[in-house]
Full PDB file with SEQRES, HELIX, SHEET, SSBOND, CRYST1, ORIGX, SCALE, CONECT and MASTER records, all heavy atoms in Angstrom:
SEQRES   1 A   33  GLY GLU GLY LEU GLN GLN LEU GLU ARG TRP LYS ARG GLU          
SEQRES   2 A   33  GLY PHE LEU ARG GLU TYR LYS VAL LEU PHE ASN ARG PHE          
SEQRES   3 A   33  VAL ASP ASN LYS ASN TRP ASP                                  
HELIX    1 AA1 GLU A    2  GLU A   13  1                                  12    
CRYST1    1.000    1.000    1.000  90.00  90.00  90.00 P 1           1          
ORIGX1      1.000000  0.000000  0.000000        0.00000                         
ORIGX2      0.000000  1.000000  0.000000        0.00000                         
ORIGX3      0.000000  0.000000  1.000000        0.00000                         
SCALE1      1.000000  0.000000  0.000000        0.00000                         
SCALE2      0.000000  1.000000  0.000000        0.00000                         
SCALE3      0.000000  0.000000  1.000000        0.00000                         
ATOM      1  N   GLY A   1      89.486  55.075 115.712  1.00  0.00           N  
ATOM      2  CA  GLY A   1      88.572  56.017 115.886  1.00  0.00           C  
ATOM      3  C   GLY A   1      87.127  55.782 115.768  1.00  0.00           C  
ATOM      4  O   GLY A   1      86.473  55.193 116.605  1.00  0.00           O  
ATOM      5  N   GLU A   2      86.521  55.837 114.545  1.00  0.00           N  
ATOM      6  CA  GLU A   2      85.131  55.581 114.360  1.00  0.00           C  
ATOM      7  C   GLU A   2      84.844  54.076 114.578  1.00  0.00           C  
ATOM      8  O   GLU A   2      83.721  53.776 115.011  1.00  0.00           O  
ATOM      9  CB  GLU A   2      84.798  55.995 112.889  1.00  0.00           C  
ATOM     10  CG  GLU A   2      83.397  55.887 112.582  1.00  0.00           C  
ATOM     11  CD  GLU A   2      83.121  56.274 111.109  1.00  0.00           C  
ATOM     12  OE1 GLU A   2      83.780  57.166 110.610  1.00  0.00           O  
ATOM     13  OE2 GLU A   2      81.951  55.723 110.590  1.00  0.00           O  
ATOM     14  N   GLY A   3      85.741  53.211 114.138  1.00  0.00           N  
ATOM     15  CA  GLY A   3      85.373  51.836 114.276  1.00  0.00           C  
ATOM     16  C   GLY A   3      85.046  51.254 115.667  1.00  0.00           C  
ATOM     17  O   GLY A   3      84.107  50.746 115.968  1.00  0.00           O  
ATOM     18  N   LEU A   4      86.110  51.704 116.628  1.00  0.00           N  
ATOM     19  CA  LEU A   4      85.879  51.322 118.101  1.00  0.00           C  
ATOM     20  C   LEU A   4      84.795  52.070 118.728  1.00  0.00           C  
ATOM     21  O   LEU A   4      83.960  51.598 119.588  1.00  0.00           O  
ATOM     22  CB  LEU A   4      87.180  51.614 118.870  1.00  0.00           C  
ATOM     23  CG  LEU A   4      88.280  50.636 118.360  1.00  0.00           C  
ATOM     24  CD1 LEU A   4      89.641  51.130 119.253  1.00  0.00           C  
ATOM     25  CD2 LEU A   4      88.003  49.157 118.840  1.00  0.00           C  
ATOM     26  N   GLN A   5      84.405  53.271 118.250  1.00  0.00           N  
ATOM     27  CA  GLN A   5      83.331  54.028 118.799  1.00  0.00           C  
ATOM     28  C   GLN A   5      82.063  53.354 118.429  1.00  0.00           C  
ATOM     29  O   GLN A   5      81.106  53.317 119.316  1.00  0.00           O  
ATOM     30  CB  GLN A   5      83.437  55.487 118.169  1.00  0.00           C  
ATOM     31  CG  GLN A   5      84.527  56.305 118.685  1.00  0.00           C  
ATOM     32  CD  GLN A   5      84.600  57.599 117.899  1.00  0.00           C  
ATOM     33  OE1 GLN A   5      83.826  58.016 117.200  1.00  0.00           O  
ATOM     34  NE2 GLN A   5      85.698  58.320 118.188  1.00  0.00           N  
ATOM     35  N   GLN A   6      81.922  52.914 117.168  1.00  0.00           N  
ATOM     36  CA  GLN A   6      80.669  52.123 116.867  1.00  0.00           C  
ATOM     37  C   GLN A   6      80.539  50.808 117.662  1.00  0.00           C  
ATOM     38  O   GLN A   6      79.444  50.581 118.238  1.00  0.00           O  
ATOM     39  CB  GLN A   6      80.748  51.642 115.328  1.00  0.00           C  
ATOM     40  CG  GLN A   6      79.584  50.898 114.848  1.00  0.00           C  
ATOM     41  CD  GLN A   6      78.223  51.655 115.011  1.00  0.00           C  
ATOM     42  OE1 GLN A   6      77.941  52.670 114.283  1.00  0.00           O  
ATOM     43  NE2 GLN A   6      77.326  51.310 116.016  1.00  0.00           N  
ATOM     44  N   LEU A   7      81.574  50.061 117.822  1.00  0.00           N  
ATOM     45  CA  LEU A   7      81.481  48.890 118.670  1.00  0.00           C  
ATOM     46  C   LEU A   7      81.145  49.219 120.139  1.00  0.00           C  
ATOM     47  O   LEU A   7      80.402  48.469 120.785  1.00  0.00           O  
ATOM     48  CB  LEU A   7      82.837  48.186 118.648  1.00  0.00           C  
ATOM     49  CG  LEU A   7      83.258  47.462 117.262  1.00  0.00           C  
ATOM     50  CD1 LEU A   7      84.733  46.953 117.400  1.00  0.00           C  
ATOM     51  CD2 LEU A   7      82.220  46.430 116.806  1.00  0.00           C  
ATOM     52  N   GLU A   8      81.598  50.354 120.636  1.00  0.00           N  
ATOM     53  CA  GLU A   8      81.409  50.621 122.034  1.00  0.00           C  
ATOM     54  C   GLU A   8      79.787  50.962 122.180  1.00  0.00           C  
ATOM     55  O   GLU A   8      79.125  50.721 123.141  1.00  0.00           O  
ATOM     56  CB  GLU A   8      82.252  51.904 122.545  1.00  0.00           C  
ATOM     57  CG  GLU A   8      82.074  52.123 123.926  1.00  0.00           C  
ATOM     58  CD  GLU A   8      82.370  51.048 124.907  1.00  0.00           C  
ATOM     59  OE1 GLU A   8      83.178  50.124 124.470  1.00  0.00           O  
ATOM     60  OE2 GLU A   8      81.904  50.999 125.981  1.00  0.00           O  
ATOM     61  N   ARG A   9      79.356  51.750 121.059  1.00  0.00           N  
ATOM     62  CA  ARG A   9      77.944  52.073 121.099  1.00  0.00           C  
ATOM     63  C   ARG A   9      77.041  50.834 121.048  1.00  0.00           C  
ATOM     64  O   ARG A   9      75.986  50.703 121.863  1.00  0.00           O  
ATOM     65  CB  ARG A   9      77.553  52.836 119.847  1.00  0.00           C  
ATOM     66  CG  ARG A   9      77.969  54.484 120.088  1.00  0.00           C  
ATOM     67  CD  ARG A   9      77.290  55.216 119.001  1.00  0.00           C  
ATOM     68  NE  ARG A   9      77.660  54.832 117.662  1.00  0.00           N  
ATOM     69  CZ  ARG A   9      78.731  55.497 117.002  1.00  0.00           C  
ATOM     70  NH1 ARG A   9      79.484  56.458 117.652  1.00  0.00           N  
ATOM     71  NH2 ARG A   9      79.021  55.080 115.757  1.00  0.00           N  
ATOM     72  N   TRP A  10      77.435  49.851 120.320  1.00  0.00           N  
ATOM     73  CA  TRP A  10      76.569  48.622 120.254  1.00  0.00           C  
ATOM     74  C   TRP A  10      76.697  47.923 121.721  1.00  0.00           C  
ATOM     75  O   TRP A  10      75.712  47.235 122.030  1.00  0.00           O  
ATOM     76  CB  TRP A  10      77.211  47.642 119.181  1.00  0.00           C  
ATOM     77  CG  TRP A  10      76.721  48.083 117.835  1.00  0.00           C  
ATOM     78  CD1 TRP A  10      75.599  48.691 117.361  1.00  0.00           C  
ATOM     79  CD2 TRP A  10      77.327  47.771 116.581  1.00  0.00           C  
ATOM     80  NE1 TRP A  10      75.533  48.921 116.123  1.00  0.00           N  
ATOM     81  CE2 TRP A  10      76.630  48.290 115.596  1.00  0.00           C  
ATOM     82  CE3 TRP A  10      78.560  47.108 116.257  1.00  0.00           C  
ATOM     83  CZ2 TRP A  10      76.974  48.205 114.104  1.00  0.00           C  
ATOM     84  CZ3 TRP A  10      78.895  46.982 114.984  1.00  0.00           C  
ATOM     85  CH2 TRP A  10      78.165  47.473 113.909  1.00  0.00           C  
ATOM     86  N   LYS A  11      77.881  48.014 122.315  1.00  0.00           N  
ATOM     87  CA  LYS A  11      77.926  47.395 123.643  1.00  0.00           C  
ATOM     88  C   LYS A  11      77.088  48.122 124.652  1.00  0.00           C  
ATOM     89  O   LYS A  11      76.313  47.436 125.516  1.00  0.00           O  
ATOM     90  CB  LYS A  11      79.409  47.367 124.097  1.00  0.00           C  
ATOM     91  CG  LYS A  11      79.611  46.671 125.432  1.00  0.00           C  
ATOM     92  CD  LYS A  11      81.097  46.615 125.845  1.00  0.00           C  
ATOM     93  CE  LYS A  11      81.239  46.003 127.244  1.00  0.00           C  
ATOM     94  NZ  LYS A  11      82.691  46.049 127.743  1.00  0.00           N  
ATOM     95  N   ARG A  12      77.057  49.399 124.646  1.00  0.00           N  
ATOM     96  CA  ARG A  12      76.135  50.239 125.567  1.00  0.00           C  
ATOM     97  C   ARG A  12      74.718  49.903 125.339  1.00  0.00           C  
ATOM     98  O   ARG A  12      73.891  49.828 126.325  1.00  0.00           O  
ATOM     99  CB  ARG A  12      76.543  51.715 125.424  1.00  0.00           C  
ATOM    100  CG  ARG A  12      77.810  52.008 125.945  1.00  0.00           C  
ATOM    101  CD  ARG A  12      77.781  53.688 126.130  1.00  0.00           C  
ATOM    102  NE  ARG A  12      77.291  54.324 124.976  1.00  0.00           N  
ATOM    103  CZ  ARG A  12      78.302  54.879 124.051  1.00  0.00           C  
ATOM    104  NH1 ARG A  12      79.619  54.637 124.288  1.00  0.00           N  
ATOM    105  NH2 ARG A  12      77.933  55.502 123.042  1.00  0.00           N  
ATOM    106  N   GLU A  13      74.353  49.650 124.075  1.00  0.00           N  
ATOM    107  CA  GLU A  13      72.959  49.499 123.766  1.00  0.00           C  
ATOM    108  C   GLU A  13      72.535  48.020 124.080  1.00  0.00           C  
ATOM    109  O   GLU A  13      71.365  47.618 123.929  1.00  0.00           O  
ATOM    110  CB  GLU A  13      72.740  49.650 122.270  1.00  0.00           C  
ATOM    111  CG  GLU A  13      72.929  51.238 121.842  1.00  0.00           C  
ATOM    112  CD  GLU A  13      73.053  51.423 120.354  1.00  0.00           C  
ATOM    113  OE1 GLU A  13      73.087  50.508 119.612  1.00  0.00           O  
ATOM    114  OE2 GLU A  13      73.202  52.694 119.978  1.00  0.00           O  
ATOM    115  N   GLY A  14      73.472  47.074 124.283  1.00  0.00           N  
ATOM    116  CA  GLY A  14      73.239  45.701 124.635  1.00  0.00           C  
ATOM    117  C   GLY A  14      73.326  44.893 123.513  1.00  0.00           C  
ATOM    118  O   GLY A  14      72.970  43.637 123.643  1.00  0.00           O  
ATOM    119  N   PHE A  15      73.582  45.371 122.369  1.00  0.00           N  
ATOM    120  CA  PHE A  15      73.735  44.522 121.099  1.00  0.00           C  
ATOM    121  C   PHE A  15      74.969  43.517 121.231  1.00  0.00           C  
ATOM    122  O   PHE A  15      74.901  42.413 120.806  1.00  0.00           O  
ATOM    123  CB  PHE A  15      73.911  45.435 119.923  1.00  0.00           C  
ATOM    124  CG  PHE A  15      73.837  44.656 118.624  1.00  0.00           C  
ATOM    125  CD1 PHE A  15      73.044  43.653 118.332  1.00  0.00           C  
ATOM    126  CD2 PHE A  15      74.828  44.895 117.722  1.00  0.00           C  
ATOM    127  CE1 PHE A  15      73.072  42.989 117.117  1.00  0.00           C  
ATOM    128  CE2 PHE A  15      74.946  44.209 116.418  1.00  0.00           C  
ATOM    129  CZ  PHE A  15      73.999  43.215 116.135  1.00  0.00           C  
ATOM    130  N   LEU A  16      76.017  44.018 121.855  1.00  0.00           N  
ATOM    131  CA  LEU A  16      77.287  43.295 122.094  1.00  0.00           C  
ATOM    132  C   LEU A  16      77.463  43.091 123.501  1.00  0.00           C  
ATOM    133  O   LEU A  16      77.225  43.978 124.375  1.00  0.00           O  
ATOM    134  CB  LEU A  16      78.455  43.849 121.518  1.00  0.00           C  
ATOM    135  CG  LEU A  16      78.524  44.102 119.951  1.00  0.00           C  
ATOM    136  CD1 LEU A  16      79.848  44.851 119.620  1.00  0.00           C  
ATOM    137  CD2 LEU A  16      78.474  42.716 119.261  1.00  0.00           C  
ATOM    138  N   ARG A  17      77.813  41.823 123.869  1.00  0.00           N  
ATOM    139  CA  ARG A  17      78.245  41.745 125.325  1.00  0.00           C  
ATOM    140  C   ARG A  17      79.752  42.145 125.517  1.00  0.00           C  
ATOM    141  O   ARG A  17      80.154  42.815 126.444  1.00  0.00           O  
ATOM    142  CB  ARG A  17      78.171  40.230 125.746  1.00  0.00           C  
ATOM    143  CG  ARG A  17      78.591  39.936 127.095  1.00  0.00           C  
ATOM    144  CD  ARG A  17      78.180  38.353 127.429  1.00  0.00           C  
ATOM    145  NE  ARG A  17      78.928  37.391 126.604  1.00  0.00           N  
ATOM    146  CZ  ARG A  17      80.224  37.061 126.889  1.00  0.00           C  
ATOM    147  NH1 ARG A  17      80.834  37.513 127.911  1.00  0.00           N  
ATOM    148  NH2 ARG A  17      80.727  36.188 126.069  1.00  0.00           N  
ATOM    149  N   GLU A  18      80.581  41.720 124.643  1.00  0.00           N  
ATOM    150  CA  GLU A  18      81.906  42.113 124.605  1.00  0.00           C  
ATOM    151  C   GLU A  18      82.397  42.109 123.152  1.00  0.00           C  
ATOM    152  O   GLU A  18      81.858  41.567 122.285  1.00  0.00           O  
ATOM    153  CB  GLU A  18      82.786  41.112 125.373  1.00  0.00           C  
ATOM    154  CG  GLU A  18      82.695  41.027 126.873  1.00  0.00           C  
ATOM    155  CD  GLU A  18      83.057  42.170 127.615  1.00  0.00           C  
ATOM    156  OE1 GLU A  18      83.740  43.053 127.153  1.00  0.00           O  
ATOM    157  OE2 GLU A  18      82.594  42.412 128.788  1.00  0.00           O  
ATOM    158  N   TYR A  19      83.655  42.867 122.967  1.00  0.00           N  
ATOM    159  CA  TYR A  19      84.273  42.917 121.618  1.00  0.00           C  
ATOM    160  C   TYR A  19      85.754  43.077 121.879  1.00  0.00           C  
ATOM    161  O   TYR A  19      86.214  43.435 122.876  1.00  0.00           O  
ATOM    162  CB  TYR A  19      83.723  43.978 120.800  1.00  0.00           C  
ATOM    163  CG  TYR A  19      84.003  45.452 121.241  1.00  0.00           C  
ATOM    164  CD1 TYR A  19      85.256  46.009 120.986  1.00  0.00           C  
ATOM    165  CD2 TYR A  19      82.937  46.081 122.047  1.00  0.00           C  
ATOM    166  CE1 TYR A  19      85.464  47.280 121.496  1.00  0.00           C  
ATOM    167  CE2 TYR A  19      83.345  47.426 122.654  1.00  0.00           C  
ATOM    168  CZ  TYR A  19      84.545  47.971 122.274  1.00  0.00           C  
ATOM    169  OH  TYR A  19      84.823  49.146 122.807  1.00  0.00           O  
ATOM    170  N   LYS A  20      86.601  42.646 120.881  1.00  0.00           N  
ATOM    171  CA  LYS A  20      87.878  42.893 120.869  1.00  0.00           C  
ATOM    172  C   LYS A  20      88.338  43.031 119.380  1.00  0.00           C  
ATOM    173  O   LYS A  20      87.825  42.275 118.541  1.00  0.00           O  
ATOM    174  CB  LYS A  20      88.561  41.599 121.430  1.00  0.00           C  
ATOM    175  CG  LYS A  20      90.072  41.717 121.860  1.00  0.00           C  
ATOM    176  CD  LYS A  20      90.678  40.561 122.404  1.00  0.00           C  
ATOM    177  CE  LYS A  20      90.068  40.306 123.794  1.00  0.00           C  
ATOM    178  NZ  LYS A  20      90.495  41.286 124.912  1.00  0.00           N  
ATOM    179  N   VAL A  21      89.272  44.022 119.064  1.00  0.00           N  
ATOM    180  CA  VAL A  21      89.823  44.171 117.880  1.00  0.00           C  
ATOM    181  C   VAL A  21      91.350  44.012 117.934  1.00  0.00           C  
ATOM    182  O   VAL A  21      92.070  44.712 118.635  1.00  0.00           O  
ATOM    183  CB  VAL A  21      89.524  45.665 117.391  1.00  0.00           C  
ATOM    184  CG1 VAL A  21      90.124  45.691 115.782  1.00  0.00           C  
ATOM    185  CG2 VAL A  21      88.030  45.673 117.283  1.00  0.00           C  
ATOM    186  N   LEU A  22      91.792  42.989 117.151  1.00  0.00           N  
ATOM    187  CA  LEU A  22      93.353  42.708 117.147  1.00  0.00           C  
ATOM    188  C   LEU A  22      93.883  43.177 115.850  1.00  0.00           C  
ATOM    189  O   LEU A  22      93.172  43.034 114.746  1.00  0.00           O  
ATOM    190  CB  LEU A  22      93.567  41.189 117.407  1.00  0.00           C  
ATOM    191  CG  LEU A  22      92.976  40.667 118.758  1.00  0.00           C  
ATOM    192  CD1 LEU A  22      93.374  39.207 118.898  1.00  0.00           C  
ATOM    193  CD2 LEU A  22      93.451  41.450 120.032  1.00  0.00           C  
ATOM    194  N   PHE A  23      95.085  43.660 115.878  1.00  0.00           N  
ATOM    195  CA  PHE A  23      95.807  44.032 114.591  1.00  0.00           C  
ATOM    196  C   PHE A  23      97.013  43.287 114.583  1.00  0.00           C  
ATOM    197  O   PHE A  23      97.914  43.272 115.400  1.00  0.00           O  
ATOM    198  CB  PHE A  23      96.008  45.474 114.519  1.00  0.00           C  
ATOM    199  CG  PHE A  23      95.996  46.145 113.102  1.00  0.00           C  
ATOM    200  CD1 PHE A  23      94.917  46.529 112.517  1.00  0.00           C  
ATOM    201  CD2 PHE A  23      97.188  46.218 112.453  1.00  0.00           C  
ATOM    202  CE1 PHE A  23      94.808  46.965 111.293  1.00  0.00           C  
ATOM    203  CE2 PHE A  23      97.207  46.729 111.171  1.00  0.00           C  
ATOM    204  CZ  PHE A  23      96.141  47.107 110.583  1.00  0.00           C  
ATOM    205  N   ASN A  24      97.155  42.620 113.356  1.00  0.00           N  
ATOM    206  CA  ASN A  24      98.361  41.765 113.091  1.00  0.00           C  
ATOM    207  C   ASN A  24      99.736  42.701 113.161  1.00  0.00           C  
ATOM    208  O   ASN A  24      99.746  43.765 112.693  1.00  0.00           O  
ATOM    209  CB  ASN A  24      98.308  41.250 111.692  1.00  0.00           C  
ATOM    210  CG  ASN A  24      99.422  40.025 111.555  1.00  0.00           C  
ATOM    211  OD1 ASN A  24     100.480  40.074 112.088  1.00  0.00           O  
ATOM    212  ND2 ASN A  24      99.099  39.082 110.666  1.00  0.00           N  
ATOM    213  N   ARG A  25     100.630  42.232 114.023  1.00  0.00           N  
ATOM    214  CA  ARG A  25     101.851  43.060 114.268  1.00  0.00           C  
ATOM    215  C   ARG A  25     102.670  43.144 112.953  1.00  0.00           C  
ATOM    216  O   ARG A  25     103.376  44.191 112.929  1.00  0.00           O  
ATOM    217  CB  ARG A  25     102.612  42.511 115.454  1.00  0.00           C  
ATOM    218  CG  ARG A  25     103.870  43.240 115.758  1.00  0.00           C  
ATOM    219  CD  ARG A  25     104.459  42.817 117.032  1.00  0.00           C  
ATOM    220  NE  ARG A  25     103.800  43.179 118.260  1.00  0.00           N  
ATOM    221  CZ  ARG A  25     104.077  43.058 119.537  1.00  0.00           C  
ATOM    222  NH1 ARG A  25     105.468  42.470 119.682  1.00  0.00           N  
ATOM    223  NH2 ARG A  25     103.510  43.448 120.559  1.00  0.00           N  
ATOM    224  N   PHE A  26     102.545  42.321 112.110  1.00  0.00           N  
ATOM    225  CA  PHE A  26     103.383  42.203 110.959  1.00  0.00           C  
ATOM    226  C   PHE A  26     102.679  42.210 109.620  1.00  0.00           C  
ATOM    227  O   PHE A  26     101.534  41.648 109.550  1.00  0.00           O  
ATOM    228  CB  PHE A  26     104.282  40.874 110.904  1.00  0.00           C  
ATOM    229  CG  PHE A  26     105.119  40.703 112.217  1.00  0.00           C  
ATOM    230  CD1 PHE A  26     104.771  39.804 113.042  1.00  0.00           C  
ATOM    231  CD2 PHE A  26     106.037  41.743 112.619  1.00  0.00           C  
ATOM    232  CE1 PHE A  26     105.466  39.674 114.353  1.00  0.00           C  
ATOM    233  CE2 PHE A  26     106.734  41.445 113.862  1.00  0.00           C  
ATOM    234  CZ  PHE A  26     106.455  40.477 114.501  1.00  0.00           C  
ATOM    235  N   VAL A  27     103.251  42.631 108.550  1.00  0.00           N  
ATOM    236  CA  VAL A  27     102.586  42.603 107.343  1.00  0.00           C  
ATOM    237  C   VAL A  27     102.791  41.032 106.739  1.00  0.00           C  
ATOM    238  O   VAL A  27     103.984  40.633 106.747  1.00  0.00           O  
ATOM    239  CB  VAL A  27     103.237  43.499 106.211  1.00  0.00           C  
ATOM    240  CG1 VAL A  27     102.687  43.208 104.822  1.00  0.00           C  
ATOM    241  CG2 VAL A  27     103.062  44.830 106.679  1.00  0.00           C  
ATOM    242  N   ASP A  28     101.716  40.415 106.531  1.00  0.00           N  
ATOM    243  CA  ASP A  28     101.918  38.883 106.179  1.00  0.00           C  
ATOM    244  C   ASP A  28     100.717  38.600 105.264  1.00  0.00           C  
ATOM    245  O   ASP A  28      99.570  38.545 105.659  1.00  0.00           O  
ATOM    246  CB  ASP A  28     101.609  38.125 107.537  1.00  0.00           C  
ATOM    247  CG  ASP A  28     101.973  36.624 107.397  1.00  0.00           C  
ATOM    248  OD1 ASP A  28     102.102  36.224 106.245  1.00  0.00           O  
ATOM    249  OD2 ASP A  28     102.052  35.963 108.367  1.00  0.00           O  
ATOM    250  N   ASN A  29     101.004  38.260 103.993  1.00  0.00           N  
ATOM    251  CA  ASN A  29     100.026  37.949 102.982  1.00  0.00           C  
ATOM    252  C   ASN A  29      99.353  36.667 103.246  1.00  0.00           C  
ATOM    253  O   ASN A  29      98.254  36.436 102.517  1.00  0.00           O  
ATOM    254  CB  ASN A  29     100.579  38.066 101.605  1.00  0.00           C  
ATOM    255  CG  ASN A  29     101.694  37.045 101.274  1.00  0.00           C  
ATOM    256  OD1 ASN A  29     101.961  36.188 102.232  1.00  0.00           O  
ATOM    257  ND2 ASN A  29     102.288  37.135 100.126  1.00  0.00           N  
ATOM    258  N   LYS A  30      99.807  35.762 104.215  1.00  0.00           N  
ATOM    259  CA  LYS A  30      99.097  34.537 104.249  1.00  0.00           C  
ATOM    260  C   LYS A  30      98.128  34.606 105.550  1.00  0.00           C  
ATOM    261  O   LYS A  30      97.324  33.686 105.859  1.00  0.00           O  
ATOM    262  CB  LYS A  30     100.154  33.522 104.730  1.00  0.00           C  
ATOM    263  CG  LYS A  30     100.996  33.108 103.572  1.00  0.00           C  
ATOM    264  CD  LYS A  30     101.890  31.950 103.941  1.00  0.00           C  
ATOM    265  CE  LYS A  30     102.814  31.657 102.680  1.00  0.00           C  
ATOM    266  NZ  LYS A  30     103.826  30.476 103.140  1.00  0.00           N  
ATOM    267  N   ASN A  31      97.940  35.834 106.227  1.00  0.00           N  
ATOM    268  CA  ASN A  31      97.112  35.957 107.322  1.00  0.00           C  
ATOM    269  C   ASN A  31      96.400  37.262 107.160  1.00  0.00           C  
ATOM    270  O   ASN A  31      96.670  38.203 106.450  1.00  0.00           O  
ATOM    271  CB  ASN A  31      97.940  35.915 108.644  1.00  0.00           C  
ATOM    272  CG  ASN A  31      98.315  34.533 108.942  1.00  0.00           C  
ATOM    273  OD1 ASN A  31      97.368  33.664 109.019  1.00  0.00           O  
ATOM    274  ND2 ASN A  31      99.434  34.244 109.186  1.00  0.00           N  
ATOM    275  N   TRP A  32      95.428  37.392 108.147  1.00  0.00           N  
ATOM    276  CA  TRP A  32      94.569  38.571 108.236  1.00  0.00           C  
ATOM    277  C   TRP A  32      95.421  39.753 108.809  1.00  0.00           C  
ATOM    278  O   TRP A  32      96.482  39.577 109.437  1.00  0.00           O  
ATOM    279  CB  TRP A  32      93.356  38.358 109.074  1.00  0.00           C  
ATOM    280  CG  TRP A  32      93.575  37.599 110.376  1.00  0.00           C  
ATOM    281  CD1 TRP A  32      93.387  36.300 110.644  1.00  0.00           C  
ATOM    282  CD2 TRP A  32      94.080  38.167 111.697  1.00  0.00           C  
ATOM    283  NE1 TRP A  32      93.705  35.941 111.964  1.00  0.00           N  
ATOM    284  CE2 TRP A  32      94.101  37.185 112.547  1.00  0.00           C  
ATOM    285  CE3 TRP A  32      94.431  39.430 112.076  1.00  0.00           C  
ATOM    286  CZ2 TRP A  32      94.509  37.330 113.921  1.00  0.00           C  
ATOM    287  CZ3 TRP A  32      94.895  39.688 113.391  1.00  0.00           C  
ATOM    288  CH2 TRP A  32      95.019  38.624 114.227  1.00  0.00           C  
ATOM    289  N   ASP A  33      94.912  41.018 108.374  1.00  0.00           N  
ATOM    290  CA  ASP A  33      95.572  42.140 109.000  1.00  0.00           C  
ATOM    291  C   ASP A  33      94.838  42.609 110.353  1.00  0.00           C  
ATOM    292  O   ASP A  33      95.498  43.146 111.287  1.00  0.00           O  
ATOM    293  CB  ASP A  33      95.563  43.325 108.022  1.00  0.00           C  
ATOM    294  CG  ASP A  33      96.431  43.004 106.814  1.00  0.00           C  
ATOM    295  OD1 ASP A  33      97.741  43.190 106.932  1.00  0.00           O  
ATOM    296  OD2 ASP A  33      96.040  42.494 105.823  1.00  0.00           O  
TER     297      ASP A  33                                                      
MASTER        0    0    0    1    0    0    0    6  296    1    0    3          
END                                                                             
Protein backbone atom coordinates (compact mmCIF):
# COMPACT_ATOMS: atom_id res chain seq x y z
CA GLY A 1 0.00 0.00 0.00
CA GLU A 2 1.77 3.07 1.31
CA GLY A 3 5.27 1.78 0.67
CA LEU A 4 4.88 1.19 -3.07
CA GLN A 5 2.91 4.41 -3.43
CA GLN A 6 5.84 6.36 -2.00
CA LEU A 7 8.32 4.66 -4.31
CA GLU A 8 6.11 5.39 -7.30
CA ARG A 9 5.92 9.08 -6.31
CA TRP A 10 9.70 9.25 -6.16
CA LYS A 11 9.88 7.69 -9.61
CA ARG A 12 7.39 10.18 -11.08
CA GLU A 13 9.35 13.04 -9.53
CA GLY A 14 12.58 11.79 -11.13
CA PHE A 15 14.24 10.87 -7.85
CA LEU A 16 14.24 7.17 -8.82
CA ARG A 17 14.83 5.71 -12.25
CA GLU A 18 13.49 2.28 -11.29
CA TYR A 19 12.64 0.34 -8.15
CA LYS A 20 11.77 -3.20 -7.22
CA VAL A 21 10.50 -4.70 -3.97
CA LEU A 22 10.97 -8.42 -3.40
CA PHE A 23 9.51 -10.43 -0.52
CA ASN A 24 11.11 -13.67 0.65
CA ARG A 25 8.71 -16.51 -0.11
CA PHE A 26 9.70 -18.32 3.08
CA VAL A 27 10.29 -17.52 6.73
CA ASP A 28 14.05 -17.81 7.07
CA ASN A 29 16.00 -16.39 9.99
CA LYS A 30 19.28 -16.47 8.02
CA ASN A 31 18.02 -14.14 5.32
CA TRP A 32 16.08 -10.95 4.73
CA ASP A 33 12.31 -10.87 4.61
